[in-house]
Amino acid sequence: MRSVSEHRLYLEELAAKVPNPAAGFFGPDSIAWRLSGELVLGLVVLRALFLQVANPKVAQGVADHSDFRRKPFARALATFRAQQRIVFGTCEESIEALMRIYARHAAVRSDSGQGAAYQANDPALLFWVYATLIDSMFFGYRTFLPELAQVEWERFYEEGKLFARLIGIPDEQVPATLADFNAWMADALAGDKFTVSPVGREIGQSLLNMPVRLAAPLTVFLAAGSLPPKLRSQFGLPWSAGRQRRFDRFGGLVRTLARFTPRWLHTAPVYWIALHRARQAA
């Protein structure tokens, strides 16, 4: 693992090679901008968060270093804002967001020596968090939006490797191809690699406590419907064949609406702001 100062130097070296720093590390021609700007993908944010805390070490780190019981959405909101800045910000803005995360993670550690030891900047843990974000975008796009061509998915995966480098994951930690990644993720989700710990389940339940009570049933429905059956059961989320049919119909309805709705209505404002800035600089 790099030190904080070493990681900043590494990021600055990458930024020096970017043709238009105002467009950031990815830019308007990237699939990353296209996918990350989709508001509909907000429907799978809970999926990514639940998957992250299915890893007992990630869950323990969240429990030890956040006030998730009183502020269950603080970490999710901070993560979302940072991800948007990394993807859509200028190189300078992206680096500052990345360094705040990296420096904070450097202090998130436990050396208990009893099997629960963790270090948030451990490449294996970083990769799991990264993998949940990528896989949830795949799931969300295929469930709620018109399907992309295979070549576009492969291009997005290649761009995702840059995102992995930016957050401190070494190249050898990331599967070489999209097919390799899908196989790794399928094995991780279906096998015994992760079992939800008691603290992971508590964190998951806290994420369902929406401030608006009327939104709670929809929150549970989206979280349960998007998770693999094994993890859904371990988190204690109710499900049935009837709920699965309703989830499939809901996905189809959102997909149809997205197909016939003007793009500006389902694209985040941050995308248009970044696009204007990049064009001016170019």
C-alpha atoms as a PDB file:
ATOM      1  CA  MET A   1       0.000   0.000   0.000  1.00  0.00           C
ATOM      2  CA  ARG A   2       1.179   3.504  -0.823  1.00  0.00           C
ATOM      3  CA  SER A   3       1.527   6.160   1.840  1.00  0.00           C
ATOM      4  CA  VAL A   4      -0.760   9.188   1.562  1.00  0.00           C
ATOM      5  CA  SER A   5       1.983  11.327   0.045  1.00  0.00           C
ATOM      6  CA  GLU A   6       2.992   8.565  -2.383  1.00  0.00           C
ATOM      7  CA  HIS A   7      -0.585   8.188  -3.580  1.00  0.00           C
ATOM      8  CA  ARG A   8      -0.922  11.930  -4.208  1.00  0.00           C
ATOM      9  CA  LEU A   9       2.256  11.883  -6.281  1.00  0.00           C
ATOM     10  CA  TYR A  10       0.928   8.885  -8.222  1.00  0.00           C
ATOM     11  CA  LEU A  11      -2.353  10.696  -8.987  1.00  0.00           C
ATOM     12  CA  GLU A  12      -0.550  13.847 -10.077  1.00  0.00           C
ATOM     13  CA  GLU A  13       1.571  11.782 -12.468  1.00  0.00           C
ATOM     14  CA  LEU A  14      -1.587  10.286 -13.986  1.00  0.00           C
ATOM     15  CA  ALA A  15      -3.196  13.730 -14.269  1.00  0.00           C
ATOM     16  CA  ALA A  16      -0.150  15.091 -16.114  1.00  0.00           C
ATOM     17  CA  LYS A  17      -0.962  12.702 -18.986  1.00  0.00           C
ATOM     18  CA  VAL A  18      -4.616  13.830 -19.352  1.00  0.00           C
ATOM     19  CA  PRO A  19      -5.122  15.902 -22.549  1.00  0.00           C
ATOM     20  CA  ASN A  20      -7.892  18.114 -21.122  1.00  0.00           C
ATOM     21  CA  PRO A  21      -7.609  18.375 -17.305  1.00  0.00           C
ATOM     22  CA  ALA A  22     -10.872  20.363 -17.190  1.00  0.00           C
ATOM     23  CA  ALA A  23     -12.673  17.259 -18.477  1.00  0.00           C
ATOM     24  CA  GLY A  24     -11.144  15.129 -15.749  1.00  0.00           C
ATOM     25  CA  PHE A  25      -9.762  11.631 -15.917  1.00  0.00           C
ATOM     26  CA  PHE A  26     -12.664  10.237 -17.980  1.00  0.00           C
ATOM     27  CA  GLY A  27     -14.226  12.965 -20.096  1.00  0.00           C
ATOM     28  CA  PRO A  28     -17.423  13.393 -22.136  1.00  0.00           C
ATOM     29  CA  ASP A  29     -16.622  10.622 -24.609  1.00  0.00           C
ATOM     30  CA  SER A  30     -16.397   7.989 -21.880  1.00  0.00           C
ATOM     31  CA  ILE A  31     -18.983   5.343 -21.052  1.00  0.00           C
ATOM     32  CA  ALA A  32     -18.258   6.194 -17.408  1.00  0.00           C
ATOM     33  CA  TRP A  33     -19.845   9.631 -17.864  1.00  0.00           C
ATOM     34  CA  ARG A  34     -22.817   8.145 -19.670  1.00  0.00           C
ATOM     35  CA  LEU A  35     -23.565   5.526 -17.022  1.00  0.00           C
ATOM     36  CA  SER A  36     -22.670   7.535 -13.935  1.00  0.00           C
ATOM     37  CA  GLY A  37     -24.981  10.332 -15.027  1.00  0.00           C
ATOM     38  CA  GLU A  38     -28.057   8.089 -15.101  1.00  0.00           C
ATOM     39  CA  LEU A  39     -30.417   9.083 -12.296  1.00  0.00           C
ATOM     40  CA  VAL A  40     -32.211   5.741 -12.601  1.00  0.00           C
ATOM     41  CA  LEU A  41     -29.124   3.989 -11.251  1.00  0.00           C
ATOM     42  CA  GLY A  42     -29.965   5.529  -7.893  1.00  0.00           C
ATOM     43  CA  LEU A  43     -32.358   2.589  -7.570  1.00  0.00           C
ATOM     44  CA  VAL A  44     -29.398   0.243  -6.974  1.00  0.00           C
ATOM     45  CA  VAL A  45     -27.443   2.337  -4.469  1.00  0.00           C
ATOM     46  CA  LEU A  46     -28.783   0.190  -1.627  1.00  0.00           C
ATOM     47  CA  ARG A  47     -27.684  -2.956  -3.456  1.00  0.00           C
ATOM     48  CA  ALA A  48     -24.084  -1.746  -3.555  1.00  0.00           C
ATOM     49  CA  LEU A  49     -24.154  -0.713   0.114  1.00  0.00           C
ATOM     50  CA  PHE A  50     -25.613  -4.042   1.246  1.00  0.00           C
ATOM     51  CA  LEU A  51     -23.042  -5.952  -0.813  1.00  0.00           C
ATOM     52  CA  GLN A  52     -20.218  -3.924   0.702  1.00  0.00           C
ATOM     53  CA  VAL A  53     -21.161  -4.742   4.287  1.00  0.00           C
ATOM     54  CA  ALA A  54     -21.666  -8.406   3.366  1.00  0.00           C
ATOM     55  CA  ASN A  55     -17.880  -8.480   3.698  1.00  0.00           C
ATOM     56  CA  PRO A  56     -17.364  -8.817   7.488  1.00  0.00           C
ATOM     57  CA  LYS A  57     -14.194  -6.701   7.471  1.00  0.00           C
ATOM     58  CA  VAL A  58     -15.880  -3.850   5.613  1.00  0.00           C
ATOM     59  CA  ALA A  59     -18.844  -4.081   7.986  1.00  0.00           C
ATOM     60  CA  GLN A  60     -16.570  -3.983  11.025  1.00  0.00           C
ATOM     61  CA  GLY A  61     -14.728  -0.969   9.658  1.00  0.00           C
ATOM     62  CA  VAL A  62     -18.022   0.867   9.119  1.00  0.00           C
ATOM     63  CA  ALA A  63     -19.164  -0.035  12.641  1.00  0.00           C
ATOM     64  CA  ASP A  64     -15.894   1.047  14.260  1.00  0.00           C
ATOM     65  CA  HIS A  65     -15.412   4.289  12.349  1.00  0.00           C
ATOM     66  CA  SER A  66     -18.874   5.711  11.635  1.00  0.00           C
ATOM     67  CA  ASP A  67     -22.021   6.681  13.489  1.00  0.00           C
ATOM     68  CA  PHE A  68     -24.227   4.453  11.348  1.00  0.00           C
ATOM     69  CA  ARG A  69     -26.884   4.005  14.040  1.00  0.00           C
ATOM     70  CA  ARG A  70     -27.701   7.725  14.264  1.00  0.00           C
ATOM     71  CA  LYS A  71     -26.715   8.677  10.701  1.00  0.00           C
ATOM     72  CA  PRO A  72     -27.244   5.588   8.529  1.00  0.00           C
ATOM     73  CA  PHE A  73     -27.032   7.518   5.254  1.00  0.00           C
ATOM     74  CA  ALA A  74     -24.047   9.757   6.016  1.00  0.00           C
ATOM     75  CA  ARG A  75     -21.492   7.311   4.590  1.00  0.00           C
ATOM     76  CA  ALA A  76     -23.674   6.544   1.559  1.00  0.00           C
ATOM     77  CA  LEU A  77     -24.109  10.236   0.777  1.00  0.00           C
ATOM     78  CA  ALA A  78     -20.403  10.944   1.204  1.00  0.00           C
ATOM     79  CA  THR A  79     -19.511   7.998  -1.030  1.00  0.00           C
ATOM     80  CA  PHE A  80     -21.965   9.130  -3.727  1.00  0.00           C
ATOM     81  CA  ARG A  81     -20.646  12.705  -3.720  1.00  0.00           C
ATOM     82  CA  ALA A  82     -17.054  11.525  -3.887  1.00  0.00           C
ATOM     83  CA  GLN A  83     -17.810   9.139  -6.759  1.00  0.00           C
ATOM     84  CA  GLN A  84     -19.490  11.941  -8.720  1.00  0.00           C
ATOM     85  CA  ARG A  85     -16.538  14.265  -8.159  1.00  0.00           C
ATOM     86  CA  ILE A  86     -14.008  11.602  -9.150  1.00  0.00           C
ATOM     87  CA  VAL A  87     -15.848  10.825 -12.401  1.00  0.00           C
ATOM     88  CA  PHE A  88     -17.116  14.276 -13.400  1.00  0.00           C
ATOM     89  CA  GLY A  89     -14.680  16.643 -11.696  1.00  0.00           C
ATOM     90  CA  THR A  90     -11.606  18.266 -13.168  1.00  0.00           C
ATOM     91  CA  CYS A  91      -8.380  16.390 -12.550  1.00  0.00           C
ATOM     92  CA  GLU A  92      -7.641  18.723  -9.637  1.00  0.00           C
ATOM     93  CA  GLU A  93     -11.103  18.200  -8.114  1.00  0.00           C
ATOM     94  CA  SER A  94     -10.871  14.451  -8.598  1.00  0.00           C
ATOM     95  CA  ILE A  95      -7.475  14.286  -6.913  1.00  0.00           C
ATOM     96  CA  GLU A  96      -8.713  16.240  -3.902  1.00  0.00           C
ATOM     97  CA  ALA A  97     -11.709  13.907  -3.525  1.00  0.00           C
ATOM     98  CA  LEU A  98      -9.507  10.848  -3.943  1.00  0.00           C
ATOM     99  CA  MET A  99      -7.001  12.083  -1.400  1.00  0.00           C
ATOM    100  CA  ARG A 100      -9.671  12.789   1.206  1.00  0.00           C
ATOM    101  CA  ILE A 101     -10.851   9.202   0.847  1.00  0.00           C
ATOM    102  CA  TYR A 102      -7.360   7.731   0.835  1.00  0.00           C
ATOM    103  CA  ALA A 103      -6.201   9.736   3.853  1.00  0.00           C
ATOM    104  CA  ARG A 104      -9.333   8.868   5.830  1.00  0.00           C
ATOM    105  CA  HIS A 105      -8.990   5.188   4.957  1.00  0.00           C
ATOM    106  CA  ALA A 106      -5.384   5.220   6.146  1.00  0.00           C
ATOM    107  CA  ALA A 107      -6.725   5.753   9.673  1.00  0.00           C
ATOM    108  CA  VAL A 108      -9.472   3.110   9.364  1.00  0.00           C
ATOM    109  CA  ARG A 109      -7.779   0.023  10.679  1.00  0.00           C
ATOM    110  CA  SER A 110      -7.847  -2.568  13.438  1.00  0.00           C
ATOM    111  CA  ASP A 111      -4.981  -4.833  14.450  1.00  0.00           C
ATOM    112  CA  SER A 112      -6.903  -6.993  16.896  1.00  0.00           C
ATOM    113  CA  GLY A 113      -5.046 -10.134  15.855  1.00  0.00           C
ATOM    114  CA  GLN A 114      -8.236 -12.130  16.420  1.00  0.00           C
ATOM    115  CA  GLY A 115      -9.333 -12.615  12.837  1.00  0.00           C
ATOM    116  CA  ALA A 116     -11.099  -9.249  12.580  1.00  0.00           C
ATOM    117  CA  ALA A 117      -8.043  -7.192  11.667  1.00  0.00           C
ATOM    118  CA  TYR A 118      -8.584  -4.845   8.739  1.00  0.00           C
ATOM    119  CA  GLN A 119      -7.055  -1.872   6.969  1.00  0.00           C
ATOM    120  CA  ALA A 120      -9.405   0.139   4.772  1.00  0.00           C
ATOM    121  CA  ASN A 121      -6.710   0.772   2.150  1.00  0.00           C
ATOM    122  CA  ASP A 122      -6.003  -2.956   1.878  1.00  0.00           C
ATOM    123  CA  PRO A 123      -6.225  -3.608  -1.908  1.00  0.00           C
ATOM    124  CA  ALA A 124      -8.449  -6.659  -1.318  1.00  0.00           C
ATOM    125  CA  LEU A 125     -11.019  -4.609   0.618  1.00  0.00           C
ATOM    126  CA  LEU A 126     -10.785  -1.702  -1.826  1.00  0.00           C
ATOM    127  CA  PHE A 127     -11.381  -4.124  -4.662  1.00  0.00           C
ATOM    128  CA  TRP A 128     -14.484  -5.550  -2.994  1.00  0.00           C
ATOM    129  CA  VAL A 129     -15.984  -2.071  -2.590  1.00  0.00           C
ATOM    130  CA  TYR A 130     -15.052  -1.233  -6.190  1.00  0.00           C
ATOM    131  CA  ALA A 131     -16.508  -4.542  -7.435  1.00  0.00           C
ATOM    132  CA  THR A 132     -19.838  -3.910  -5.696  1.00  0.00           C
ATOM    133  CA  LEU A 133     -20.116  -0.522  -7.419  1.00  0.00           C
ATOM    134  CA  ILE A 134     -19.289  -1.900 -10.871  1.00  0.00           C
ATOM    135  CA  ASP A 135     -21.512  -4.962 -10.502  1.00  0.00           C
ATOM    136  CA  SER A 136     -24.413  -2.875  -9.184  1.00  0.00           C
ATOM    137  CA  MET A 137     -24.155  -0.571 -12.189  1.00  0.00           C
ATOM    138  CA  PHE A 138     -24.325  -3.636 -14.429  1.00  0.00           C
ATOM    139  CA  PHE A 139     -27.356  -4.923 -12.530  1.00  0.00           C
ATOM    140  CA  GLY A 140     -29.079  -1.542 -12.471  1.00  0.00           C
ATOM    141  CA  TYR A 141     -28.580  -0.843 -16.147  1.00  0.00           C
ATOM    142  CA  ARG A 142     -29.803  -4.266 -17.211  1.00  0.00           C
ATOM    143  CA  THR A 143     -32.803  -4.127 -14.887  1.00  0.00           C
ATOM    144  CA  PHE A 144     -33.998  -0.542 -15.299  1.00  0.00           C
ATOM    145  CA  LEU A 145     -32.529   0.778 -18.565  1.00  0.00           C
ATOM    146  CA  PRO A 146     -32.296  -0.344 -22.204  1.00  0.00           C
ATOM    147  CA  GLU A 147     -29.479  -2.850 -22.638  1.00  0.00           C
ATOM    148  CA  LEU A 148     -26.060  -1.757 -23.870  1.00  0.00           C
ATOM    149  CA  ALA A 149     -24.138  -3.555 -26.590  1.00  0.00           C
ATOM    150  CA  GLN A 150     -21.493  -5.985 -25.349  1.00  0.00           C
ATOM    151  CA  VAL A 151     -18.721  -3.834 -26.795  1.00  0.00           C
ATOM    152  CA  GLU A 152     -19.958  -0.907 -24.676  1.00  0.00           C
ATOM    153  CA  TRP A 153     -19.931  -3.012 -21.512  1.00  0.00           C
ATOM    154  CA  GLU A 154     -16.387  -4.096 -22.281  1.00  0.00           C
ATOM    155  CA  ARG A 155     -15.338  -0.503 -22.877  1.00  0.00           C
ATOM    156  CA  PHE A 156     -16.938   0.537 -19.581  1.00  0.00           C
ATOM    157  CA  TYR A 157     -15.050  -2.223 -17.790  1.00  0.00           C
ATOM    158  CA  GLU A 158     -11.759  -1.038 -19.277  1.00  0.00           C
ATOM    159  CA  GLU A 159     -12.522   2.500 -18.110  1.00  0.00           C
ATOM    160  CA  GLY A 160     -13.324   1.067 -14.691  1.00  0.00           C
ATOM    161  CA  LYS A 161      -9.746  -0.148 -14.417  1.00  0.00           C
ATOM    162  CA  LEU A 162      -8.672   3.491 -14.362  1.00  0.00           C
ATOM    163  CA  PHE A 163     -11.111   4.157 -11.527  1.00  0.00           C
ATOM    164  CA  ALA A 164      -9.568   1.222  -9.659  1.00  0.00           C
ATOM    165  CA  ARG A 165      -6.079   2.684 -10.091  1.00  0.00           C
ATOM    166  CA  LEU A 166      -7.267   6.077  -8.885  1.00  0.00           C
ATOM    167  CA  ILE A 167      -8.583   4.710  -5.591  1.00  0.00           C
ATOM    168  CA  GLY A 168      -5.412   2.712  -4.974  1.00  0.00           C
ATOM    169  CA  ILE A 169      -6.088  -0.779  -6.339  1.00  0.00           C
ATOM    170  CA  PRO A 170      -3.062  -2.305  -8.110  1.00  0.00           C
ATOM    171  CA  ASP A 171      -3.592  -3.621 -11.638  1.00  0.00           C
ATOM    172  CA  GLU A 172      -2.899  -7.222 -10.644  1.00  0.00           C
ATOM    173  CA  GLN A 173      -5.855  -7.131  -8.234  1.00  0.00           C
ATOM    174  CA  VAL A 174      -8.350  -6.411 -11.024  1.00  0.00           C
ATOM    175  CA  PRO A 175      -9.549  -9.225 -13.344  1.00  0.00           C
ATOM    176  CA  ALA A 176      -8.138  -8.726 -16.835  1.00  0.00           C
ATOM    177  CA  THR A 177     -11.402  -8.896 -18.796  1.00  0.00           C
ATOM    178  CA  LEU A 178     -15.099  -8.300 -18.248  1.00  0.00           C
ATOM    179  CA  ALA A 179     -15.717 -12.043 -18.527  1.00  0.00           C
ATOM    180  CA  ASP A 180     -13.102 -12.672 -15.828  1.00  0.00           C
ATOM    181  CA  PHE A 181     -14.719 -10.077 -13.571  1.00  0.00           C
ATOM    182  CA  ASN A 182     -18.204 -11.516 -14.051  1.00  0.00           C
ATOM    183  CA  ALA A 183     -16.929 -14.998 -13.220  1.00  0.00           C
ATOM    184  CA  TRP A 184     -15.150 -13.719 -10.097  1.00  0.00           C
ATOM    185  CA  MET A 185     -18.217 -11.821  -8.927  1.00  0.00           C
ATOM    186  CA  ALA A 186     -20.575 -14.714  -9.561  1.00  0.00           C
ATOM    187  CA  ASP A 187     -18.332 -16.966  -7.501  1.00  0.00           C
ATOM    188  CA  ALA A 188     -18.088 -14.385  -4.705  1.00  0.00           C
ATOM    189  CA  LEU A 189     -21.863 -13.899  -4.519  1.00  0.00           C
ATOM    190  CA  ALA A 190     -22.895 -17.543  -4.850  1.00  0.00           C
ATOM    191  CA  GLY A 191     -20.111 -19.194  -2.884  1.00  0.00           C
ATOM    192  CA  ASP A 192     -18.977 -19.044   0.719  1.00  0.00           C
ATOM    193  CA  LYS A 193     -16.499 -16.192   0.252  1.00  0.00           C
ATOM    194  CA  PHE A 194     -18.666 -13.863   2.344  1.00  0.00           C
ATOM    195  CA  THR A 195     -21.198 -14.463   5.108  1.00  0.00           C
ATOM    196  CA  VAL A 196     -23.104 -11.546   6.582  1.00  0.00           C
ATOM    197  CA  SER A 197     -21.911 -10.899  10.135  1.00  0.00           C
ATOM    198  CA  PRO A 198     -24.226  -9.717  12.940  1.00  0.00           C
ATOM    199  CA  VAL A 199     -22.825  -6.197  12.656  1.00  0.00           C
ATOM    200  CA  GLY A 200     -23.243  -6.316   8.874  1.00  0.00           C
ATOM    201  CA  ARG A 201     -26.888  -7.239   9.312  1.00  0.00           C
ATOM    202  CA  GLU A 202     -27.343  -4.384  11.803  1.00  0.00           C
ATOM    203  CA  ILE A 203     -25.834  -1.910   9.342  1.00  0.00           C
ATOM    204  CA  GLY A 204     -28.085  -3.273   6.595  1.00  0.00           C
ATOM    205  CA  GLN A 205     -31.178  -2.822   8.739  1.00  0.00           C
ATOM    206  CA  SER A 206     -30.133   0.742   9.557  1.00  0.00           C
ATOM    207  CA  LEU A 207     -30.090   1.552   5.840  1.00  0.00           C
ATOM    208  CA  LEU A 208     -33.781   0.669   5.627  1.00  0.00           C
ATOM    209  CA  ASN A 209     -34.799   3.315   8.195  1.00  0.00           C
ATOM    210  CA  MET A 210     -35.831   5.968   5.722  1.00  0.00           C
ATOM    211  CA  PRO A 211     -36.566   9.436   7.147  1.00  0.00           C
ATOM    212  CA  VAL A 212     -39.883   9.416   5.251  1.00  0.00           C
ATOM    213  CA  ARG A 213     -41.922   6.522   6.625  1.00  0.00           C
ATOM    214  CA  LEU A 214     -43.966   6.100   3.437  1.00  0.00           C
ATOM    215  CA  ALA A 215     -40.737   5.358   1.533  1.00  0.00           C
ATOM    216  CA  ALA A 216     -39.765   2.459   3.807  1.00  0.00           C
ATOM    217  CA  PRO A 217     -41.713  -0.295   1.946  1.00  0.00           C
ATOM    218  CA  LEU A 218     -40.191   0.756  -1.384  1.00  0.00           C
ATOM    219  CA  THR A 219     -36.715   0.814   0.187  1.00  0.00           C
ATOM    220  CA  VAL A 220     -37.079  -2.741   1.482  1.00  0.00           C
ATOM    221  CA  PHE A 221     -38.546  -3.855  -1.847  1.00  0.00           C
ATOM    222  CA  LEU A 222     -35.666  -2.427  -3.898  1.00  0.00           C
ATOM    223  CA  ALA A 223     -32.969  -3.714  -1.543  1.00  0.00           C
ATOM    224  CA  ALA A 224     -34.421  -7.226  -1.354  1.00  0.00           C
ATOM    225  CA  GLY A 225     -35.219  -7.469  -5.055  1.00  0.00           C
ATOM    226  CA  SER A 226     -31.742  -6.478  -6.168  1.00  0.00           C
ATOM    227  CA  LEU A 227     -29.742  -8.768  -3.866  1.00  0.00           C
ATOM    228  CA  PRO A 228     -28.728 -12.377  -4.590  1.00  0.00           C
ATOM    229  CA  PRO A 229     -31.021 -14.850  -2.753  1.00  0.00           C
ATOM    230  CA  LYS A 230     -28.364 -16.051  -0.299  1.00  0.00           C
ATOM    231  CA  LEU A 231     -27.423 -12.568   0.887  1.00  0.00           C
ATOM    232  CA  ARG A 232     -31.053 -11.442   0.898  1.00  0.00           C
ATOM    233  CA  SER A 233     -31.793 -14.243   3.347  1.00  0.00           C
ATOM    234  CA  GLN A 234     -28.747 -13.490   5.500  1.00  0.00           C
ATOM    235  CA  PHE A 235     -29.777  -9.839   5.782  1.00  0.00           C
ATOM    236  CA  GLY A 236     -33.245 -10.966   6.853  1.00  0.00           C
ATOM    237  CA  LEU A 237     -35.104  -9.299   3.987  1.00  0.00           C
ATOM    238  CA  PRO A 238     -38.538 -10.759   3.139  1.00  0.00           C
ATOM    239  CA  TRP A 239     -39.147 -12.112  -0.371  1.00  0.00           C
ATOM    240  CA  SER A 240     -41.502 -14.358  -2.321  1.00  0.00           C
ATOM    241  CA  ALA A 241     -42.365 -15.418  -5.859  1.00  0.00           C
ATOM    242  CA  GLY A 242     -45.083 -12.753  -5.935  1.00  0.00           C
ATOM    243  CA  ARG A 243     -42.646 -10.036  -4.930  1.00  0.00           C
ATOM    244  CA  GLN A 244     -40.240 -11.214  -7.604  1.00  0.00           C
ATOM    245  CA  ARG A 245     -42.970 -10.858 -10.243  1.00  0.00           C
ATOM    246  CA  ARG A 246     -43.754  -7.340  -9.016  1.00  0.00           C
ATOM    247  CA  PHE A 247     -40.059  -6.440  -9.058  1.00  0.00           C
ATOM    248  CA  ASP A 248     -39.735  -7.693 -12.655  1.00  0.00           C
ATOM    249  CA  ARG A 249     -42.797  -5.680 -13.715  1.00  0.00           C
ATOM    250  CA  PHE A 250     -41.443  -2.605 -11.951  1.00  0.00           C
ATOM    251  CA  GLY A 251     -38.120  -2.983 -13.772  1.00  0.00           C
ATOM    252  CA  GLY A 252     -39.917  -3.291 -17.097  1.00  0.00           C
ATOM    253  CA  LEU A 253     -41.991  -0.177 -16.412  1.00  0.00           C
ATOM    254  CA  VAL A 254     -38.935   1.924 -15.502  1.00  0.00           C
ATOM    255  CA  ARG A 255     -37.099   0.608 -18.573  1.00  0.00           C
ATOM    256  CA  THR A 256     -39.989   1.611 -20.850  1.00  0.00           C
ATOM    257  CA  LEU A 257     -40.250   5.069 -19.309  1.00  0.00           C
ATOM    258  CA  ALA A 258     -36.503   5.602 -19.673  1.00  0.00           C
ATOM    259  CA  ARG A 259     -36.621   4.586 -23.341  1.00  0.00           C
ATOM    260  CA  PHE A 260     -39.278   7.198 -24.206  1.00  0.00           C
ATOM    261  CA  THR A 261     -38.213   9.982 -21.843  1.00  0.00           C
ATOM    262  CA  PRO A 262     -35.896  12.777 -23.044  1.00  0.00           C
ATOM    263  CA  ARG A 263     -32.366  12.152 -21.839  1.00  0.00           C
ATOM    264  CA  TRP A 264     -32.126  15.428 -19.947  1.00  0.00           C
ATOM    265  CA  LEU A 265     -34.930  14.277 -17.636  1.00  0.00           C
ATOM    266  CA  HIS A 266     -33.061  11.201 -16.397  1.00  0.00           C
ATOM    267  CA  THR A 267     -29.487  12.516 -16.472  1.00  0.00           C
ATOM    268  CA  ALA A 268     -27.940  14.098 -13.377  1.00  0.00           C
ATOM    269  CA  PRO A 269     -27.212  17.863 -13.516  1.00  0.00           C
ATOM    270  CA  VAL A 270     -23.562  17.166 -12.666  1.00  0.00           C
ATOM    271  CA  TYR A 271     -23.195  15.553 -16.112  1.00  0.00           C
ATOM    272  CA  TRP A 272     -24.410  18.651 -17.976  1.00  0.00           C
ATOM    273  CA  ILE A 273     -22.293  20.968 -15.832  1.00  0.00           C
ATOM    274  CA  ALA A 274     -19.193  18.874 -16.471  1.00  0.00           C
ATOM    275  CA  LEU A 275     -19.985  18.659 -20.194  1.00  0.00           C
ATOM    276  CA  HIS A 276     -20.273  22.446 -20.489  1.00  0.00           C
ATOM    277  CA  ARG A 277     -16.992  22.954 -18.607  1.00  0.00           C
ATOM    278  CA  ALA A 278     -15.138  20.398 -20.728  1.00  0.00           C
ATOM    279  CA  ARG A 279     -16.378  21.925 -23.993  1.00  0.00           C
ATOM    280  CA  GLN A 280     -15.387  25.414 -22.927  1.00  0.00           C
ATOM    281  CA  ALA A 281     -11.892  24.245 -22.015  1.00  0.00           C
ATOM    282  CA  ALA A 282     -11.516  22.352 -25.273  1.00  0.00           C
END
